[in-house]
């Protein structure tokens, strides 16, 4: 709650600045406003809007939950409170709902594209600066799962890291002595040769980075025969058109930054009765 509070306070301060000019010249009155869907989508943002409700003395009546689909014309929620407060917060409230719902909507399309395969859809760290917690929350609203939140909860050895490591097996022995017992190690691989090295060295997760479908299937077969405990993640050039084929190779998860950074804003509007 503390992180949400700080985030919301900063958002409101950015918009209100030294004070809403309308509030200087108007008498406040009790009003009811509502958010109207002007396009179809999947909702996200309720947790943050409930924080607004507590912080600013509003009352919200909900017609939707995080992760639920809505249609154009649906009335998603009603907001009761002083007119000055609601009108000052209008853009901040809408931006939260718009941003979260837009990511949730695109994420849900990807999730539905791999429905029935048992493969998990993951996000990445390709988030907007200072919005990681919020955007990854929105991914969860859409039915996706979060990859690591940052550099401190999982050790991923990317190609840039591997360039600095002379002996991977020796390095991994040192890693196990220095990182937390519960932290996993993921190694990014672009070739079957690198996959074999990573698995032999003791990776918990191997990423098939920008591999073709045939090569990914070969990695899956090698894993299943030799290291069945290791998880496989596919990443790179994942689109709505390609994700089903990738999922059907037998990997455990697919990660995509697109579900966040390519989410186009849907259309929501606030109205006052």
Protein backbone atom coordinates (compact mmCIF):
# COMPACT_ATOMS: atom_id res chain seq x y z
CA UNK A 1 0.00 0.00 0.00
CA UNK A 2 2.87 2.39 0.77
CA UNK A 3 4.28 2.06 -2.75
CA UNK A 4 0.84 2.63 -4.27
CA UNK A 5 0.35 5.70 -2.06
CA UNK A 6 3.65 7.26 -3.13
CA UNK A 7 2.91 6.49 -6.78
CA UNK A 8 -0.55 8.04 -6.59
CA UNK A 9 0.64 11.11 -4.71
CA UNK A 10 3.31 11.74 -7.35
CA UNK A 11 0.78 11.26 -10.16
CA UNK A 12 -1.69 13.71 -8.64
CA UNK A 13 1.05 16.25 -7.84
CA UNK A 14 2.17 16.16 -11.48
CA UNK A 15 -1.34 17.01 -12.67
CA UNK A 16 -2.60 19.37 -9.97
CA UNK A 17 0.65 21.28 -9.53
CA UNK A 18 0.10 24.35 -7.32
CA UNK A 19 -3.65 23.76 -7.30
CA UNK A 20 -6.57 23.10 -9.62
CA UNK A 21 -7.66 26.50 -10.89
CA UNK A 22 -11.27 25.37 -11.20
CA UNK A 23 -11.33 24.64 -7.47
CA UNK A 24 -10.55 28.30 -6.71
CA UNK A 25 -13.77 29.56 -8.21
CA UNK A 26 -16.33 26.85 -7.61
CA UNK A 27 -18.36 25.66 -4.66
CA UNK A 28 -17.96 21.97 -3.96
CA UNK A 29 -21.05 19.77 -4.02
CA UNK A 30 -21.71 16.06 -3.70
CA UNK A 31 -21.76 14.43 -7.13
CA UNK A 32 -21.81 11.03 -8.80
CA UNK A 33 -19.46 10.36 -11.67
CA UNK A 34 -18.88 7.16 -13.59
CA UNK A 35 -16.39 5.62 -15.97
CA UNK A 36 -17.84 4.55 -19.29
CA UNK A 37 -16.26 2.09 -21.70
CA UNK A 38 -16.11 3.47 -25.23
CA UNK A 39 -14.37 0.37 -26.60
CA UNK A 40 -14.10 -3.32 -25.70
CA UNK A 41 -11.37 -4.53 -23.38
CA UNK A 42 -10.21 -6.30 -20.23
CA UNK A 43 -10.23 -4.26 -17.04
CA UNK A 44 -7.22 -3.43 -14.90
CA UNK A 45 -6.57 -0.82 -12.23
CA UNK A 46 -9.04 -1.63 -9.48
CA UNK A 47 -6.35 -2.05 -6.79
CA UNK A 48 -5.00 1.41 -7.55
CA UNK A 49 -8.41 3.06 -7.83
CA UNK A 50 -9.32 1.60 -4.43
CA UNK A 51 -6.20 3.26 -3.06
CA UNK A 52 -7.44 6.58 -4.53
CA UNK A 53 -10.77 5.94 -2.81
CA UNK A 54 -9.15 5.58 0.63
CA UNK A 55 -6.67 8.43 0.20
CA UNK A 56 -9.14 11.05 -1.03
CA UNK A 57 -12.34 10.14 0.81
CA UNK A 58 -14.28 8.91 -2.21
CA UNK A 59 -16.79 6.07 -2.46
CA UNK A 60 -16.67 3.74 -5.47
CA UNK A 61 -19.34 1.25 -6.45
CA UNK A 62 -17.96 -1.40 -8.77
CA UNK A 63 -19.53 -3.19 -11.70
CA UNK A 64 -16.31 -4.96 -12.72
CA UNK A 65 -13.28 -6.77 -11.30
CA UNK A 66 -9.68 -6.77 -12.44
CA UNK A 67 -9.32 -9.26 -15.27
CA UNK A 68 -12.95 -9.14 -16.38
CA UNK A 69 -13.90 -8.34 -19.96
CA UNK A 70 -16.09 -5.36 -20.78
CA UNK A 71 -17.85 -4.11 -23.89
CA UNK A 72 -18.32 -0.69 -25.44
CA UNK A 73 -21.13 1.06 -23.59
CA UNK A 74 -20.58 -0.70 -20.25
CA UNK A 75 -20.64 1.41 -17.09
CA UNK A 76 -17.63 0.13 -15.18
CA UNK A 77 -17.85 1.96 -11.87
CA UNK A 78 -19.57 4.84 -10.09
CA UNK A 79 -17.65 7.37 -8.00
CA UNK A 80 -19.30 9.42 -5.24
CA UNK A 81 -17.71 12.39 -3.49
CA UNK A 82 -17.10 16.16 -3.49
CA UNK A 83 -17.10 17.68 -6.95
CA UNK A 84 -13.81 19.52 -6.40
CA UNK A 85 -12.04 16.30 -5.44
CA UNK A 86 -13.45 14.17 -8.25
CA UNK A 87 -12.84 16.77 -10.94
CA UNK A 88 -9.27 17.36 -9.76
CA UNK A 89 -8.60 13.62 -9.82
CA UNK A 90 -10.45 12.89 -13.07
CA UNK A 91 -7.42 12.57 -15.33
CA UNK A 92 -5.37 10.62 -12.78
CA UNK A 93 -8.20 8.15 -12.19
CA UNK A 94 -8.76 7.70 -15.91
CA UNK A 95 -5.06 7.35 -16.70
CA UNK A 96 -4.73 4.54 -14.16
CA UNK A 97 -7.72 2.68 -15.60
CA UNK A 98 -6.68 3.35 -19.20
CA UNK A 99 -3.05 2.33 -18.81
CA UNK A 100 -3.74 -0.81 -16.78
CA UNK A 101 -6.71 -1.90 -18.89
CA UNK A 102 -4.82 -1.38 -22.15
CA UNK A 103 -1.98 -3.65 -21.02
CA UNK A 104 -4.45 -6.15 -19.58
CA UNK A 105 -6.39 -6.18 -22.85
CA UNK A 106 -3.37 -6.95 -25.04
CA UNK A 107 -1.96 -9.44 -22.53
CA UNK A 108 -5.26 -11.29 -22.55
CA UNK A 109 -5.16 -11.61 -26.33
CA UNK A 110 -1.76 -13.31 -26.06
CA UNK A 111 -2.99 -15.56 -23.24
CA UNK A 112 -5.98 -16.66 -25.31
CA UNK A 113 -3.71 -17.36 -28.29
CA UNK A 114 -1.91 -20.11 -26.32
CA UNK A 115 -4.95 -21.38 -24.45
CA UNK A 116 -4.89 -25.14 -23.93
CA UNK A 117 -1.12 -25.54 -24.39
CA UNK A 118 -0.25 -25.28 -20.70
CA UNK A 119 2.44 -22.71 -21.54
CA UNK A 120 2.73 -19.61 -19.34
CA UNK A 121 2.93 -16.08 -20.76
CA UNK A 122 5.53 -13.91 -19.04
CA UNK A 123 6.34 -10.22 -19.22
CA UNK A 124 9.87 -8.74 -19.26
CA UNK A 125 11.76 -5.82 -17.69
CA UNK A 126 10.96 -3.68 -20.75
CA UNK A 127 8.77 -1.36 -18.72
CA UNK A 128 8.52 2.41 -18.62
CA UNK A 129 10.88 3.98 -16.06
CA UNK A 130 9.38 3.97 -12.54
CA UNK A 131 6.23 2.18 -13.75
CA UNK A 132 7.45 -1.42 -13.45
CA UNK A 133 5.32 -2.43 -10.47
CA UNK A 134 2.21 -0.87 -12.01
CA UNK A 135 2.71 -2.28 -15.50
CA UNK A 136 3.51 -5.75 -14.22
CA UNK A 137 0.36 -5.59 -12.09
CA UNK A 138 -1.56 -4.79 -15.28
CA UNK A 139 -0.06 -7.89 -16.94
CA UNK A 140 -1.45 -10.00 -14.11
CA UNK A 141 -4.87 -8.40 -14.66
CA UNK A 142 -4.73 -9.70 -18.22
CA UNK A 143 -3.90 -13.25 -17.17
CA UNK A 144 -0.13 -13.16 -17.71
CA UNK A 145 2.57 -13.92 -15.16
CA UNK A 146 5.48 -11.76 -14.10
CA UNK A 147 9.06 -12.60 -14.96
CA UNK A 148 11.61 -11.19 -12.50
CA UNK A 149 10.82 -7.78 -11.06
CA UNK A 150 14.44 -6.67 -11.10
CA UNK A 151 18.07 -7.71 -10.85
CA UNK A 152 17.71 -8.78 -7.23
CA UNK A 153 15.22 -11.65 -7.43
CA UNK A 154 16.64 -13.89 -10.18
CA UNK A 155 20.10 -14.07 -11.73
CA UNK A 156 19.84 -14.03 -15.50
CA UNK A 157 23.02 -14.46 -17.48
CA UNK A 158 22.48 -12.75 -20.82
CA UNK A 159 24.85 -12.75 -23.77
CA UNK A 160 26.52 -9.63 -22.39
CA UNK A 161 27.19 -11.32 -19.05
CA UNK A 162 28.45 -14.49 -20.71
CA UNK A 163 31.07 -12.50 -22.61
CA UNK A 164 32.71 -11.71 -19.25
CA UNK A 165 32.71 -15.32 -17.96
CA UNK A 166 35.66 -17.54 -18.91
CA UNK A 167 34.57 -20.77 -17.20
CA UNK A 168 30.81 -21.11 -16.84
CA UNK A 169 30.87 -24.20 -14.61
CA UNK A 170 33.30 -22.62 -12.14
CA UNK A 171 31.28 -19.41 -12.20
CA UNK A 172 28.07 -21.31 -11.40
CA UNK A 173 29.71 -22.99 -8.40
CA UNK A 174 30.59 -19.55 -7.07
CA UNK A 175 27.09 -18.28 -7.82
CA UNK A 176 25.52 -20.98 -5.64
CA UNK A 177 27.65 -19.84 -2.71
CA UNK A 178 26.80 -16.17 -3.05
CA UNK A 179 23.20 -15.71 -4.15
CA UNK A 180 20.20 -16.54 -1.91
CA UNK A 181 19.28 -20.22 -1.68
CA UNK A 182 15.81 -19.53 -3.10
CA UNK A 183 17.04 -17.51 -6.13
CA UNK A 184 16.98 -19.17 -9.54
CA UNK A 185 19.59 -18.83 -12.26
CA UNK A 186 18.49 -18.40 -15.86
CA UNK A 187 20.90 -18.53 -18.79
CA UNK A 188 20.15 -17.04 -22.19
CA UNK A 189 21.09 -19.30 -25.10
CA UNK A 190 21.07 -18.72 -28.84
CA UNK A 191 22.42 -22.11 -29.99
CA UNK A 192 22.12 -25.77 -29.07
CA UNK A 193 25.80 -25.75 -28.08
CA UNK A 194 25.12 -22.99 -25.55
CA UNK A 195 22.02 -24.83 -24.28
CA UNK A 196 24.11 -27.92 -23.53
CA UNK A 197 26.73 -25.83 -21.71
CA UNK A 198 24.10 -24.01 -19.67
CA UNK A 199 22.29 -27.17 -18.63
CA UNK A 200 25.52 -28.96 -17.75
CA UNK A 201 26.61 -25.96 -15.66
CA UNK A 202 23.44 -26.17 -13.55
CA UNK A 203 21.00 -23.57 -14.85
CA UNK A 204 17.51 -23.64 -13.33
CA UNK A 205 15.97 -22.03 -16.42
CA UNK A 206 17.27 -21.90 -19.98
CA UNK A 207 16.03 -19.22 -22.34
CA UNK A 208 15.76 -20.10 -26.02
CA UNK A 209 16.51 -16.66 -27.39
CA UNK A 210 15.40 -15.91 -30.95
CA UNK A 211 15.50 -19.57 -31.93
CA UNK A 212 13.49 -21.01 -34.80
CA UNK A 213 10.76 -23.55 -34.13
CA UNK A 214 12.81 -26.58 -35.22
CA UNK A 215 15.75 -25.59 -33.06
CA UNK A 216 13.45 -24.94 -30.10
CA UNK A 217 11.90 -28.39 -30.52
CA UNK A 218 15.40 -29.89 -30.51
CA UNK A 219 16.15 -28.05 -27.26
CA UNK A 220 12.93 -29.37 -25.72
CA UNK A 221 13.80 -32.94 -26.73
CA UNK A 222 17.33 -32.59 -25.32
CA UNK A 223 15.99 -31.19 -22.07
CA UNK A 224 13.35 -33.89 -21.70
CA UNK A 225 15.92 -36.64 -22.21
CA UNK A 226 18.78 -35.26 -20.14
CA UNK A 227 17.66 -32.52 -17.73
CA UNK A 228 13.89 -32.82 -17.17
CA UNK A 229 14.03 -30.60 -14.07
CA UNK A 230 15.19 -27.54 -16.03
CA UNK A 231 12.55 -25.05 -17.17
CA UNK A 232 12.56 -23.70 -20.72
CA UNK A 233 11.57 -20.18 -21.69
CA UNK A 234 11.26 -18.96 -25.27
CA UNK A 235 11.77 -15.29 -26.12
CA UNK A 236 12.36 -13.01 -29.07
CA UNK A 237 10.10 -11.83 -31.90
CA UNK A 238 6.97 -13.11 -30.20
CA UNK A 239 3.79 -11.86 -31.86
CA UNK A 240 0.13 -12.80 -31.79
CA UNK A 241 0.72 -14.63 -35.07
CA UNK A 242 3.74 -16.64 -33.90
CA UNK A 243 3.08 -17.33 -30.23
CA UNK A 244 0.89 -20.42 -30.74
CA UNK A 245 3.55 -22.16 -32.79
CA UNK A 246 6.19 -21.36 -30.19
CA UNK A 247 3.98 -22.71 -27.41
CA UNK A 248 3.45 -25.96 -29.29
CA UNK A 249 7.20 -26.70 -29.29
CA UNK A 250 6.90 -27.82 -25.66
CA UNK A 251 8.59 -24.96 -23.79
CA UNK A 252 7.29 -24.10 -20.33
CA UNK A 253 6.93 -20.34 -20.78
CA UNK A 254 7.11 -17.59 -23.38
CA UNK A 255 8.20 -14.07 -22.50
CA UNK A 256 7.25 -10.97 -24.44
CA UNK A 257 7.89 -7.29 -23.88
CA UNK A 258 5.23 -6.48 -26.48
CA UNK A 259 2.36 -7.04 -24.07
CA UNK A 260 3.47 -3.87 -22.28
CA UNK A 261 5.27 -1.64 -24.73
CA UNK A 262 2.97 -2.29 -27.70
CA UNK A 263 -0.32 -1.99 -25.83
CA UNK A 264 -2.46 0.67 -27.53
CA UNK A 265 -4.74 2.67 -25.27
CA UNK A 266 -8.35 1.66 -25.25
CA UNK A 267 -11.10 4.28 -24.84
CA UNK A 268 -12.58 5.08 -21.43
CA UNK A 269 -14.33 8.26 -20.39
CA UNK A 270 -15.59 9.84 -17.17
CA UNK A 271 -19.07 11.33 -17.04
CA UNK A 272 -20.85 13.30 -14.28
CA UNK A 273 -24.56 12.90 -13.62
